[in-house]
């Protein structure tokens, strides 16, 4: 139960801070800036890894949980409870932002700037790179330690910096689910549920290609 609460709180913090930065940037006329938004996502993930990594592993991302399971590092019986906790945390965070900023229409929802296939491929590659890094710096199914926090937070911030304007750089089905459901912008949600999940599995396969058997 402590692990599930940790995943709920971690995902809540991620969505509240990350999409909250987007909302506040909108209502304040761009004072946060795109760079600030990207750094917010990276820094909140880094903080949650340090805070929760020794409790739940600080997955705070359904795609990462599925990736750890695909890499045979995570018990299959725990996958669905983790996913439920992460999605619940994201939904509560978006509901909170709706109450705080009732005039904002999007709540940080991820919407493709170009074609759906373009954003799908981008999200798949971004998540594959993220999962590849996570597997390389984590211990078992736990993202913990100085190396893990810095590496994972940096990758998230970096990918959000260059890909955010096109696809939103979600890399996290829960991060996209919360704002989409609460703001009722569901038209592109399938991209951000499917592409990161497939990308995480691709990241697992890439890890197996470069590491010795048993490492992934």
N, C-alpha and C. Protein backbone atom coordinates (compact mmCIF):
# COMPACT_ATOMS: atom_id res chain seq x y z
N UNK A 1 0.82 -1.21 0.00
CA UNK A 1 0.00 0.00 0.00
C UNK A 1 0.86 1.27 0.00
N UNK A 2 1.97 1.26 0.75
CA UNK A 2 2.86 2.41 0.76
C UNK A 2 3.41 2.68 -0.64
N UNK A 3 3.71 1.61 -1.38
CA UNK A 3 4.22 1.79 -2.74
C UNK A 3 3.17 2.45 -3.63
N UNK A 4 1.92 2.04 -3.50
CA UNK A 4 0.86 2.60 -4.33
C UNK A 4 0.59 4.06 -3.97
N UNK A 5 0.62 4.36 -2.67
CA UNK A 5 0.46 5.75 -2.25
C UNK A 5 1.61 6.60 -2.78
N UNK A 6 2.82 6.05 -2.74
CA UNK A 6 3.98 6.77 -3.26
C UNK A 6 3.82 7.06 -4.75
N UNK A 7 3.35 6.08 -5.52
CA UNK A 7 3.15 6.30 -6.95
C UNK A 7 2.05 7.33 -7.21
N UNK A 8 1.00 7.28 -6.39
CA UNK A 8 -0.07 8.28 -6.51
C UNK A 8 0.47 9.68 -6.26
N UNK A 9 1.20 9.85 -5.16
CA UNK A 9 1.72 11.16 -4.80
C UNK A 9 2.77 11.65 -5.80
N UNK A 10 3.63 10.73 -6.25
CA UNK A 10 4.66 11.12 -7.20
C UNK A 10 4.08 11.58 -8.52
N UNK A 11 3.07 10.85 -9.02
CA UNK A 11 2.45 11.24 -10.28
C UNK A 11 1.64 12.51 -10.12
N UNK A 12 0.99 12.65 -8.97
CA UNK A 12 0.28 13.90 -8.68
C UNK A 12 1.25 15.09 -8.77
N UNK A 13 2.40 14.95 -8.11
CA UNK A 13 3.39 16.03 -8.11
C UNK A 13 3.88 16.33 -9.51
N UNK A 14 4.13 15.28 -10.29
CA UNK A 14 4.62 15.46 -11.66
C UNK A 14 3.61 16.23 -12.51
N UNK A 15 2.36 15.80 -12.49
CA UNK A 15 1.34 16.43 -13.33
C UNK A 15 0.99 17.81 -12.80
N UNK A 16 0.91 17.96 -11.49
CA UNK A 16 0.58 19.26 -10.91
C UNK A 16 1.65 20.30 -11.24
N UNK A 17 2.91 19.92 -11.07
CA UNK A 17 4.00 20.87 -11.33
C UNK A 17 4.21 21.07 -12.83
N UNK A 18 4.27 19.97 -13.59
CA UNK A 18 4.57 20.06 -15.01
C UNK A 18 3.48 20.74 -15.82
N UNK A 19 2.26 20.21 -15.73
CA UNK A 19 1.18 20.85 -16.48
C UNK A 19 0.77 22.16 -15.83
N UNK A 20 1.01 22.26 -14.51
CA UNK A 20 0.76 23.55 -13.85
C UNK A 20 1.65 24.64 -14.40
N UNK A 21 2.89 24.30 -14.73
CA UNK A 21 3.79 25.28 -15.35
C UNK A 21 3.25 25.75 -16.70
N UNK A 22 2.66 24.80 -17.45
CA UNK A 22 2.07 25.17 -18.75
C UNK A 22 0.88 26.10 -18.55
N UNK A 23 0.01 25.76 -17.60
CA UNK A 23 -1.17 26.58 -17.32
C UNK A 23 -0.77 27.98 -16.86
N UNK A 24 0.17 28.05 -15.93
CA UNK A 24 0.60 29.35 -15.41
C UNK A 24 1.31 30.16 -16.49
N UNK A 25 2.03 29.49 -17.37
CA UNK A 25 2.65 30.19 -18.50
C UNK A 25 1.58 30.83 -19.38
N UNK A 26 0.47 30.12 -19.58
CA UNK A 26 -0.63 30.65 -20.40
C UNK A 26 -1.31 31.84 -19.73
N UNK A 27 -1.62 31.71 -18.46
CA UNK A 27 -2.39 32.77 -17.79
C UNK A 27 -1.53 33.98 -17.44
N UNK A 28 -0.21 33.79 -17.42
CA UNK A 28 0.68 34.90 -17.07
C UNK A 28 1.32 35.56 -18.28
N UNK A 29 0.89 35.15 -19.46
CA UNK A 29 1.44 35.76 -20.67
C UNK A 29 2.82 35.31 -21.04
N UNK A 30 3.18 34.08 -20.69
CA UNK A 30 4.46 33.51 -21.09
C UNK A 30 5.60 33.74 -20.14
N UNK A 31 5.31 34.01 -18.87
CA UNK A 31 6.39 34.32 -17.92
C UNK A 31 7.22 33.10 -17.56
N UNK A 32 6.65 31.91 -17.66
CA UNK A 32 7.41 30.70 -17.34
C UNK A 32 8.35 30.34 -18.48
N UNK A 33 7.93 30.49 -19.69
CA UNK A 33 8.65 30.19 -20.94
C UNK A 33 8.72 28.69 -21.20
N UNK A 34 8.98 28.35 -22.45
CA UNK A 34 9.10 26.94 -22.82
C UNK A 34 10.26 26.27 -22.09
N UNK A 35 11.38 26.99 -21.97
CA UNK A 35 12.52 26.45 -21.25
C UNK A 35 12.16 26.17 -19.79
N UNK A 36 11.43 27.08 -19.18
CA UNK A 36 11.02 26.88 -17.80
C UNK A 36 10.11 25.68 -17.64
N UNK A 37 9.22 25.47 -18.58
CA UNK A 37 8.32 24.31 -18.53
C UNK A 37 9.12 23.01 -18.62
N UNK A 38 10.06 22.96 -19.58
CA UNK A 38 10.88 21.76 -19.74
C UNK A 38 11.67 21.47 -18.48
N UNK A 39 12.26 22.49 -17.89
CA UNK A 39 13.04 22.31 -16.67
C UNK A 39 12.14 21.88 -15.51
N UNK A 40 10.92 22.40 -15.47
CA UNK A 40 10.00 22.01 -14.40
C UNK A 40 9.72 20.52 -14.44
N UNK A 41 9.45 19.99 -15.64
CA UNK A 41 9.21 18.55 -15.76
C UNK A 41 10.44 17.75 -15.32
N UNK A 42 11.62 18.16 -15.78
CA UNK A 42 12.82 17.43 -15.41
C UNK A 42 13.12 17.49 -13.93
N UNK A 43 12.95 18.67 -13.34
CA UNK A 43 13.28 18.85 -11.92
C UNK A 43 12.30 18.14 -11.00
N UNK A 44 11.02 18.12 -11.35
CA UNK A 44 10.06 17.45 -10.47
C UNK A 44 10.28 15.94 -10.51
N UNK A 45 10.64 15.41 -11.67
CA UNK A 45 10.96 13.98 -11.74
C UNK A 45 12.20 13.67 -10.92
N UNK A 46 13.22 14.51 -11.05
CA UNK A 46 14.43 14.34 -10.26
C UNK A 46 14.10 14.34 -8.76
N UNK A 47 13.29 15.30 -8.33
CA UNK A 47 12.92 15.40 -6.92
C UNK A 47 12.15 14.17 -6.45
N UNK A 48 11.23 13.67 -7.27
CA UNK A 48 10.44 12.51 -6.87
C UNK A 48 11.29 11.23 -6.82
N UNK A 49 12.29 11.14 -7.68
CA UNK A 49 13.19 9.97 -7.62
C UNK A 49 13.93 9.96 -6.30
N UNK A 50 14.44 11.12 -5.90
CA UNK A 50 15.15 11.20 -4.62
C UNK A 50 14.21 10.95 -3.45
N UNK A 51 12.97 11.38 -3.57
CA UNK A 51 12.02 11.29 -2.46
C UNK A 51 11.39 9.90 -2.34
N UNK A 52 11.05 9.30 -3.48
CA UNK A 52 10.24 8.08 -3.47
C UNK A 52 10.95 6.86 -4.05
N UNK A 53 12.16 7.05 -4.55
CA UNK A 53 12.84 5.95 -5.23
C UNK A 53 13.03 4.72 -4.36
N UNK A 54 13.27 4.93 -3.07
CA UNK A 54 13.49 3.78 -2.18
C UNK A 54 12.20 3.17 -1.67
N UNK A 55 11.05 3.78 -2.00
CA UNK A 55 9.76 3.25 -1.56
C UNK A 55 9.07 2.47 -2.68
N UNK A 56 8.82 3.13 -3.79
CA UNK A 56 8.10 2.49 -4.90
C UNK A 56 8.95 2.34 -6.15
N UNK A 57 10.14 2.92 -6.15
CA UNK A 57 10.94 2.95 -7.36
C UNK A 57 10.75 4.23 -8.15
N UNK A 58 9.74 5.04 -7.75
CA UNK A 58 9.46 6.31 -8.42
C UNK A 58 9.27 6.14 -9.92
N UNK A 59 8.42 5.18 -10.31
CA UNK A 59 8.11 5.04 -11.73
C UNK A 59 7.36 6.27 -12.22
N UNK A 60 6.27 6.63 -11.51
CA UNK A 60 5.38 7.76 -11.80
C UNK A 60 5.06 7.88 -13.29
N UNK A 61 4.99 6.77 -13.97
CA UNK A 61 4.77 6.73 -15.41
C UNK A 61 4.36 5.31 -15.80
N UNK A 62 3.13 5.12 -16.29
CA UNK A 62 2.70 3.77 -16.69
C UNK A 62 3.61 3.11 -17.71
N UNK A 63 4.16 3.89 -18.64
CA UNK A 63 5.05 3.32 -19.65
C UNK A 63 6.31 2.76 -19.01
N UNK A 64 6.83 3.45 -17.99
CA UNK A 64 8.02 2.97 -17.30
C UNK A 64 7.72 1.70 -16.53
N UNK A 65 6.58 1.65 -15.87
CA UNK A 65 6.19 0.43 -15.15
C UNK A 65 6.09 -0.75 -16.11
N UNK A 66 5.46 -0.54 -17.26
CA UNK A 66 5.34 -1.60 -18.26
C UNK A 66 6.72 -1.96 -18.80
N UNK A 67 7.59 -0.97 -18.96
CA UNK A 67 8.95 -1.25 -19.42
C UNK A 67 9.72 -2.10 -18.43
N UNK A 68 9.62 -1.78 -17.14
CA UNK A 68 10.28 -2.60 -16.12
C UNK A 68 9.74 -4.03 -16.13
N UNK A 69 8.42 -4.16 -16.34
CA UNK A 69 7.84 -5.51 -16.42
C UNK A 69 8.36 -6.24 -17.65
N UNK A 70 8.42 -5.55 -18.80
CA UNK A 70 8.93 -6.17 -20.03
C UNK A 70 10.39 -6.57 -19.88
N UNK A 71 11.13 -5.82 -19.05
CA UNK A 71 12.54 -6.13 -18.82
C UNK A 71 12.73 -7.20 -17.75
N UNK A 72 11.63 -7.75 -17.26
CA UNK A 72 11.63 -8.79 -16.23
C UNK A 72 12.23 -8.30 -14.93
N UNK A 73 12.01 -7.03 -14.64
CA UNK A 73 12.49 -6.47 -13.38
C UNK A 73 11.34 -6.19 -12.40
N UNK A 74 10.10 -6.39 -12.86
CA UNK A 74 8.95 -5.98 -12.06
C UNK A 74 7.90 -7.07 -12.08
N UNK A 75 7.34 -7.36 -10.92
CA UNK A 75 6.34 -8.41 -10.77
C UNK A 75 5.07 -8.06 -11.53
N UNK A 76 4.59 -8.98 -12.35
CA UNK A 76 3.40 -8.74 -13.16
C UNK A 76 2.18 -8.43 -12.31
N UNK A 77 2.11 -9.00 -11.11
CA UNK A 77 0.96 -8.76 -10.25
C UNK A 77 0.87 -7.33 -9.75
N UNK A 78 1.96 -6.62 -9.80
CA UNK A 78 1.97 -5.23 -9.32
C UNK A 78 1.75 -4.21 -10.43
N UNK A 79 1.71 -4.66 -11.68
CA UNK A 79 1.62 -3.72 -12.79
C UNK A 79 0.32 -2.94 -12.75
N UNK A 80 -0.82 -3.63 -12.71
CA UNK A 80 -2.11 -2.94 -12.75
C UNK A 80 -2.33 -2.03 -11.54
N UNK A 81 -2.00 -2.45 -10.32
CA UNK A 81 -2.13 -1.51 -9.19
C UNK A 81 -1.27 -0.26 -9.36
N UNK A 82 -0.05 -0.41 -9.88
CA UNK A 82 0.80 0.75 -10.14
C UNK A 82 0.16 1.67 -11.17
N UNK A 83 -0.34 1.09 -12.27
CA UNK A 83 -0.95 1.90 -13.32
C UNK A 83 -2.15 2.66 -12.78
N UNK A 84 -2.97 1.99 -11.96
CA UNK A 84 -4.16 2.63 -11.40
C UNK A 84 -3.77 3.79 -10.49
N UNK A 85 -2.76 3.60 -9.67
CA UNK A 85 -2.31 4.65 -8.76
C UNK A 85 -1.76 5.85 -9.53
N UNK A 86 -0.99 5.58 -10.57
CA UNK A 86 -0.41 6.66 -11.37
C UNK A 86 -1.50 7.46 -12.09
N UNK A 87 -2.44 6.77 -12.68
CA UNK A 87 -3.53 7.47 -13.39
C UNK A 87 -4.40 8.26 -12.42
N UNK A 88 -4.65 7.69 -11.24
CA UNK A 88 -5.44 8.41 -10.24
C UNK A 88 -4.72 9.68 -9.80
N UNK A 89 -3.42 9.59 -9.58
CA UNK A 89 -2.65 10.78 -9.20
C UNK A 89 -2.71 11.86 -10.26
N UNK A 90 -2.61 11.46 -11.53
CA UNK A 90 -2.67 12.42 -12.63
C UNK A 90 -4.04 13.08 -12.72
N UNK A 91 -5.09 12.30 -12.56
CA UNK A 91 -6.45 12.84 -12.63
C UNK A 91 -6.72 13.82 -11.49
N UNK A 92 -6.30 13.47 -10.28
CA UNK A 92 -6.51 14.37 -9.15
C UNK A 92 -5.73 15.67 -9.33
N UNK A 93 -4.50 15.57 -9.88
CA UNK A 93 -3.71 16.77 -10.13
C UNK A 93 -4.41 17.69 -11.14
N UNK A 94 -4.97 17.11 -12.20
CA UNK A 94 -5.65 17.92 -13.21
C UNK A 94 -6.95 18.51 -12.67
N UNK A 95 -7.65 17.76 -11.84
CA UNK A 95 -8.86 18.30 -11.21
C UNK A 95 -8.50 19.49 -10.32
N UNK A 96 -7.40 19.36 -9.59
CA UNK A 96 -6.94 20.46 -8.73
C UNK A 96 -6.62 21.70 -9.55
N UNK A 97 -5.93 21.49 -10.69
CA UNK A 97 -5.62 22.63 -11.56
C UNK A 97 -6.88 23.24 -12.16
N UNK A 98 -7.88 22.43 -12.46
CA UNK A 98 -9.14 22.96 -12.96
C UNK A 98 -9.81 23.85 -11.92
N UNK A 99 -9.74 23.44 -10.66
CA UNK A 99 -10.33 24.25 -9.59
C UNK A 99 -9.57 25.56 -9.39
N UNK A 100 -8.24 25.51 -9.55
CA UNK A 100 -7.42 26.69 -9.35
C UNK A 100 -7.46 27.65 -10.54
N UNK A 101 -7.58 27.08 -11.75
CA UNK A 101 -7.56 27.89 -12.98
C UNK A 101 -8.75 27.52 -13.86
N UNK A 102 -9.95 27.89 -13.45
CA UNK A 102 -11.16 27.46 -14.18
C UNK A 102 -11.29 28.02 -15.58
N UNK A 103 -10.56 29.08 -15.90
CA UNK A 103 -10.67 29.67 -17.23
C UNK A 103 -9.74 29.05 -18.26
N UNK A 104 -8.76 28.25 -17.79
CA UNK A 104 -7.83 27.62 -18.73
C UNK A 104 -8.52 26.45 -19.41
N UNK A 105 -8.51 26.44 -20.72
CA UNK A 105 -9.26 25.43 -21.46
C UNK A 105 -8.53 24.11 -21.62
N UNK A 106 -7.19 24.14 -21.66
CA UNK A 106 -6.42 22.94 -22.02
C UNK A 106 -5.83 22.21 -20.82
N UNK A 107 -5.50 22.92 -19.76
CA UNK A 107 -4.89 22.32 -18.56
C UNK A 107 -3.59 21.58 -18.87
N UNK A 108 -2.88 22.02 -19.90
CA UNK A 108 -1.63 21.38 -20.24
C UNK A 108 -1.78 20.10 -21.03
N UNK A 109 -2.93 19.89 -21.66
CA UNK A 109 -3.15 18.68 -22.46
C UNK A 109 -2.18 18.64 -23.63
N UNK A 110 -1.75 17.44 -23.98
CA UNK A 110 -0.81 17.27 -25.09
C UNK A 110 -1.58 17.11 -26.40
N UNK A 111 -1.33 18.03 -27.32
CA UNK A 111 -1.99 18.06 -28.62
C UNK A 111 -0.92 18.18 -29.70
N UNK A 112 -0.93 17.33 -30.73
CA UNK A 112 0.08 17.43 -31.79
C UNK A 112 0.03 18.77 -32.50
N UNK A 113 1.20 19.35 -32.74
CA UNK A 113 1.27 20.59 -33.51
C UNK A 113 1.23 20.29 -35.01
N UNK A 114 1.64 19.08 -35.38
CA UNK A 114 1.62 18.66 -36.78
C UNK A 114 0.69 17.49 -36.97
N UNK A 115 1.14 16.50 -37.75
CA UNK A 115 0.30 15.33 -38.00
C UNK A 115 0.34 14.36 -36.83
N UNK A 116 -0.67 13.51 -36.77
CA UNK A 116 -0.73 12.51 -35.70
C UNK A 116 0.42 11.53 -35.79
N UNK A 117 0.77 11.11 -37.01
CA UNK A 117 1.85 10.13 -37.17
C UNK A 117 3.18 10.74 -36.78
N UNK A 118 3.37 12.02 -37.05
CA UNK A 118 4.61 12.69 -36.65
C UNK A 118 4.77 12.67 -35.13
N UNK A 119 3.71 13.04 -34.42
CA UNK A 119 3.77 13.05 -32.97
C UNK A 119 3.88 11.64 -32.40
N UNK A 120 3.22 10.67 -33.05
CA UNK A 120 3.30 9.28 -32.59
C UNK A 120 4.75 8.79 -32.63
N UNK A 121 5.41 9.03 -33.76
CA UNK A 121 6.79 8.57 -33.91
C UNK A 121 7.71 9.30 -32.94
N UNK A 122 7.50 10.60 -32.79
CA UNK A 122 8.32 11.36 -31.86
C UNK A 122 8.16 10.84 -30.44
N UNK A 123 6.92 10.63 -30.01
CA UNK A 123 6.67 10.14 -28.65
C UNK A 123 7.27 8.75 -28.46
N UNK A 124 7.18 7.92 -29.48
CA UNK A 124 7.75 6.57 -29.38
C UNK A 124 9.26 6.64 -29.19
N UNK A 125 9.93 7.45 -29.99
CA UNK A 125 11.39 7.55 -29.90
C UNK A 125 11.81 8.19 -28.58
N UNK A 126 11.13 9.25 -28.19
CA UNK A 126 11.46 9.94 -26.94
C UNK A 126 11.35 8.99 -25.75
N UNK A 127 10.28 8.20 -25.73
CA UNK A 127 10.08 7.28 -24.61
C UNK A 127 11.08 6.14 -24.66
N UNK A 128 11.43 5.69 -25.86
CA UNK A 128 12.43 4.63 -25.98
C UNK A 128 13.77 5.09 -25.42
N UNK A 129 14.16 6.32 -25.74
CA UNK A 129 15.42 6.87 -25.20
C UNK A 129 15.33 6.99 -23.68
N UNK A 130 14.20 7.49 -23.20
CA UNK A 130 14.02 7.62 -21.74
C UNK A 130 14.11 6.28 -21.05
N UNK A 131 13.44 5.26 -21.57
CA UNK A 131 13.46 3.94 -20.95
C UNK A 131 14.86 3.34 -21.02
N UNK A 132 15.55 3.57 -22.10
CA UNK A 132 16.92 3.08 -22.26
C UNK A 132 17.82 3.65 -21.15
N UNK A 133 17.67 4.94 -20.91
CA UNK A 133 18.46 5.58 -19.85
C UNK A 133 18.05 5.06 -18.48
N UNK A 134 16.75 4.94 -18.24
CA UNK A 134 16.26 4.46 -16.95
C UNK A 134 16.81 3.08 -16.62
N UNK A 135 16.77 2.18 -17.59
CA UNK A 135 17.28 0.83 -17.35
C UNK A 135 18.77 0.83 -17.08
N UNK A 136 19.46 1.78 -17.67
CA UNK A 136 20.91 1.83 -17.49
C UNK A 136 21.35 2.36 -16.13
N UNK A 137 20.50 3.19 -15.50
CA UNK A 137 20.93 3.82 -14.24
C UNK A 137 20.14 3.35 -13.03
N UNK A 138 19.10 2.54 -13.24
CA UNK A 138 18.28 2.11 -12.11
C UNK A 138 18.79 0.78 -11.56
N UNK A 139 18.33 0.47 -10.36
CA UNK A 139 18.65 -0.79 -9.71
C UNK A 139 17.39 -1.63 -9.67
N UNK A 140 17.37 -2.73 -10.42
CA UNK A 140 16.15 -3.53 -10.50
C UNK A 140 15.04 -2.70 -11.12
N UNK A 141 13.92 -2.58 -10.40
CA UNK A 141 12.81 -1.75 -10.87
C UNK A 141 12.73 -0.46 -10.07
N UNK A 142 13.85 -0.05 -9.49
CA UNK A 142 13.86 1.15 -8.65
C UNK A 142 14.75 2.22 -9.25
N UNK A 143 14.16 3.39 -9.44
CA UNK A 143 14.93 4.55 -9.86
C UNK A 143 15.36 5.27 -8.59
N UNK A 144 16.60 5.07 -8.20
CA UNK A 144 17.06 5.71 -6.97
C UNK A 144 18.55 5.96 -7.07
N UNK A 145 19.02 6.88 -6.26
CA UNK A 145 20.44 7.22 -6.25
C UNK A 145 20.72 8.50 -6.99
N UNK A 146 21.89 9.07 -6.75
CA UNK A 146 22.26 10.35 -7.36
C UNK A 146 22.31 10.24 -8.87
N UNK A 147 22.89 9.17 -9.37
CA UNK A 147 23.03 9.01 -10.83
C UNK A 147 21.68 8.93 -11.51
N UNK A 148 20.77 8.14 -10.95
CA UNK A 148 19.45 7.95 -11.56
C UNK A 148 18.69 9.26 -11.62
N UNK A 149 18.64 9.99 -10.52
CA UNK A 149 17.88 11.23 -10.50
C UNK A 149 18.37 12.23 -11.51
N UNK A 150 19.67 12.44 -11.56
CA UNK A 150 20.24 13.43 -12.48
C UNK A 150 20.05 12.99 -13.93
N UNK A 151 20.35 11.73 -14.23
CA UNK A 151 20.27 11.25 -15.61
C UNK A 151 18.84 11.29 -16.13
N UNK A 152 17.91 10.76 -15.35
CA UNK A 152 16.53 10.69 -15.81
C UNK A 152 15.90 12.07 -15.90
N UNK A 153 16.11 12.90 -14.88
CA UNK A 153 15.58 14.25 -14.93
C UNK A 153 16.14 15.05 -16.09
N UNK A 154 17.42 14.87 -16.37
CA UNK A 154 18.06 15.59 -17.47
C UNK A 154 17.50 15.16 -18.82
N UNK A 155 17.29 13.87 -19.00
CA UNK A 155 16.74 13.38 -20.27
C UNK A 155 15.34 13.92 -20.49
N UNK A 156 14.53 13.92 -19.45
CA UNK A 156 13.16 14.43 -19.58
C UNK A 156 13.18 15.91 -19.94
N UNK A 157 14.00 16.69 -19.25
CA UNK A 157 14.08 18.12 -19.56
C UNK A 157 14.59 18.36 -20.97
N UNK A 158 15.62 17.62 -21.37
CA UNK A 158 16.20 17.77 -22.70
C UNK A 158 15.18 17.46 -23.79
N UNK A 159 14.49 16.33 -23.64
CA UNK A 159 13.53 15.94 -24.66
C UNK A 159 12.35 16.90 -24.70
N UNK A 160 11.94 17.41 -23.54
CA UNK A 160 10.86 18.39 -23.52
C UNK A 160 11.27 19.69 -24.19
N UNK A 161 12.55 20.05 -24.07
CA UNK A 161 13.03 21.29 -24.68
C UNK A 161 12.91 21.26 -26.20
N UNK A 162 13.36 20.17 -26.81
CA UNK A 162 13.41 20.21 -28.28
C UNK A 162 12.17 19.63 -28.95
N UNK A 163 11.46 18.72 -28.28
CA UNK A 163 10.30 18.09 -28.92
C UNK A 163 8.97 18.61 -28.41
N UNK A 164 8.99 19.31 -27.28
CA UNK A 164 7.75 19.80 -26.70
C UNK A 164 6.89 20.63 -27.64
N UNK A 165 7.47 21.56 -28.41
CA UNK A 165 6.64 22.39 -29.28
C UNK A 165 5.92 21.60 -30.38
N UNK A 166 6.37 20.41 -30.71
CA UNK A 166 5.76 19.63 -31.78
C UNK A 166 4.75 18.62 -31.25
N UNK A 167 5.19 17.79 -30.30
CA UNK A 167 4.33 16.70 -29.84
C UNK A 167 3.92 16.82 -28.38
N UNK A 168 4.50 17.76 -27.66
CA UNK A 168 4.21 17.89 -26.25
C UNK A 168 5.20 17.17 -25.35
N UNK A 169 5.96 16.22 -25.94
CA UNK A 169 6.97 15.46 -25.20
C UNK A 169 6.40 14.90 -23.91
N UNK A 170 5.31 14.18 -24.03
CA UNK A 170 4.67 13.60 -22.84
C UNK A 170 5.50 12.45 -22.27
N UNK A 171 5.74 11.43 -23.08
CA UNK A 171 6.50 10.24 -22.68
C UNK A 171 5.86 9.54 -21.49
N UNK A 172 4.60 9.85 -21.21
CA UNK A 172 3.96 9.37 -19.99
C UNK A 172 2.44 9.34 -20.20
N UNK A 173 1.83 8.16 -20.34
CA UNK A 173 0.39 8.10 -20.55
C UNK A 173 -0.42 8.78 -19.45
N UNK A 174 0.00 8.68 -18.19
CA UNK A 174 -0.74 9.30 -17.10
C UNK A 174 -0.68 10.82 -17.19
N UNK A 175 0.49 11.35 -17.56
CA UNK A 175 0.65 12.81 -17.69
C UNK A 175 -0.30 13.37 -18.72
N UNK A 176 -0.56 12.61 -19.79
CA UNK A 176 -1.48 13.07 -20.83
C UNK A 176 -2.94 12.75 -20.50
N UNK A 177 -3.15 11.65 -19.80
CA UNK A 177 -4.52 11.22 -19.48
C UNK A 177 -5.23 12.24 -18.60
N UNK A 178 -4.58 12.69 -17.52
CA UNK A 178 -5.23 13.59 -16.58
C UNK A 178 -5.75 14.86 -17.24
N UNK A 179 -4.90 15.65 -17.89
CA UNK A 179 -5.38 16.88 -18.53
C UNK A 179 -6.41 16.62 -19.63
N UNK A 180 -6.22 15.55 -20.40
CA UNK A 180 -7.15 15.27 -21.51
C UNK A 180 -8.56 14.97 -21.00
N UNK A 181 -8.64 14.15 -19.97
CA UNK A 181 -9.96 13.76 -19.44
C UNK A 181 -10.64 14.95 -18.76
N UNK A 182 -9.91 15.68 -17.94
CA UNK A 182 -10.52 16.78 -17.18
C UNK A 182 -10.88 17.95 -18.10
N UNK A 183 -10.06 18.20 -19.12
CA UNK A 183 -10.36 19.30 -20.05
C UNK A 183 -11.24 18.86 -21.22
N UNK A 184 -11.48 17.55 -21.30
CA UNK A 184 -12.31 16.96 -22.36
C UNK A 184 -11.70 17.14 -23.75
N UNK A 185 -10.38 17.18 -23.83
CA UNK A 185 -9.68 17.18 -25.12
C UNK A 185 -9.13 15.77 -25.36
N UNK A 186 -9.97 14.91 -25.88
CA UNK A 186 -9.64 13.48 -25.98
C UNK A 186 -9.25 13.06 -27.39
N UNK A 187 -9.28 13.97 -28.34
CA UNK A 187 -9.14 13.58 -29.74
C UNK A 187 -7.78 12.96 -30.06
N UNK A 188 -6.74 13.37 -29.38
CA UNK A 188 -5.40 12.86 -29.67
C UNK A 188 -4.84 12.00 -28.54
N UNK A 189 -5.67 11.68 -27.56
CA UNK A 189 -5.18 10.97 -26.39
C UNK A 189 -4.59 9.61 -26.75
N UNK A 190 -5.13 8.97 -27.78
CA UNK A 190 -4.64 7.63 -28.15
C UNK A 190 -3.14 7.65 -28.47
N UNK A 191 -2.67 8.75 -29.05
CA UNK A 191 -1.24 8.85 -29.37
C UNK A 191 -0.41 8.74 -28.11
N UNK A 192 -0.85 9.45 -27.08
CA UNK A 192 -0.05 9.57 -25.86
C UNK A 192 -0.26 8.42 -24.88
N UNK A 193 -1.22 7.56 -25.19
CA UNK A 193 -1.37 6.32 -24.44
C UNK A 193 -0.57 5.19 -25.11
N UNK A 194 -0.64 5.13 -26.43
CA UNK A 194 -0.03 4.01 -27.16
C UNK A 194 1.45 4.22 -27.44
N UNK A 195 1.83 5.39 -27.96
CA UNK A 195 3.22 5.60 -28.38
C UNK A 195 4.23 5.46 -27.23
N UNK A 196 3.99 6.05 -26.05
CA UNK A 196 4.96 5.85 -24.96
C UNK A 196 5.05 4.39 -24.50
N UNK A 197 3.93 3.69 -24.54
CA UNK A 197 3.95 2.28 -24.12
C UNK A 197 4.80 1.45 -25.08
N UNK A 198 4.59 1.65 -26.38
CA UNK A 198 5.40 0.94 -27.38
C UNK A 198 6.86 1.39 -27.27
N UNK A 199 7.07 2.68 -27.08
CA UNK A 199 8.43 3.19 -26.97
C UNK A 199 9.19 2.61 -25.80
N UNK A 200 8.50 2.40 -24.67
CA UNK A 200 9.16 1.81 -23.50
C UNK A 200 9.64 0.40 -23.81
N UNK A 201 8.83 -0.36 -24.53
CA UNK A 201 9.23 -1.72 -24.90
C UNK A 201 10.41 -1.69 -25.87
N UNK A 202 10.40 -0.73 -26.79
CA UNK A 202 11.53 -0.57 -27.70
C UNK A 202 12.81 -0.23 -26.92
N UNK A 203 12.67 0.61 -25.90
CA UNK A 203 13.82 0.93 -25.05
C UNK A 203 14.37 -0.28 -24.34
N UNK A 204 13.49 -1.18 -23.91
CA UNK A 204 13.93 -2.43 -23.28
C UNK A 204 14.73 -3.27 -24.27
N UNK A 205 14.23 -3.38 -25.50
CA UNK A 205 14.93 -4.16 -26.52
C UNK A 205 16.30 -3.55 -26.83
N UNK A 206 16.36 -2.22 -26.88
CA UNK A 206 17.64 -1.56 -27.14
C UNK A 206 18.63 -1.83 -26.02
N UNK A 207 18.14 -1.84 -24.79
CA UNK A 207 19.01 -2.13 -23.65
C UNK A 207 19.57 -3.53 -23.74
N UNK A 208 18.75 -4.47 -24.15
CA UNK A 208 19.22 -5.85 -24.27
C UNK A 208 20.27 -6.00 -25.35
N UNK A 209 20.22 -5.14 -26.35
CA UNK A 209 21.18 -5.24 -27.45
C UNK A 209 22.58 -4.79 -27.04
N UNK A 210 22.66 -3.90 -26.07
CA UNK A 210 23.98 -3.34 -25.73
C UNK A 210 24.51 -3.81 -24.38
N UNK A 211 23.69 -4.51 -23.61
CA UNK A 211 24.15 -4.99 -22.32
C UNK A 211 24.23 -6.50 -22.31
N UNK A 212 24.97 -7.02 -21.38
CA UNK A 212 25.12 -8.46 -21.26
C UNK A 212 23.80 -9.11 -20.86
N UNK A 213 23.59 -10.37 -21.22
CA UNK A 213 22.36 -11.06 -20.81
C UNK A 213 22.18 -10.99 -19.30
N UNK A 214 20.95 -10.70 -18.93
CA UNK A 214 20.64 -10.63 -17.51
C UNK A 214 20.68 -9.23 -16.95
N UNK A 215 21.24 -8.29 -17.73
CA UNK A 215 21.31 -6.91 -17.24
C UNK A 215 19.97 -6.20 -17.42
N UNK A 216 19.18 -6.64 -18.39
CA UNK A 216 17.92 -5.96 -18.67
C UNK A 216 16.78 -6.97 -18.59
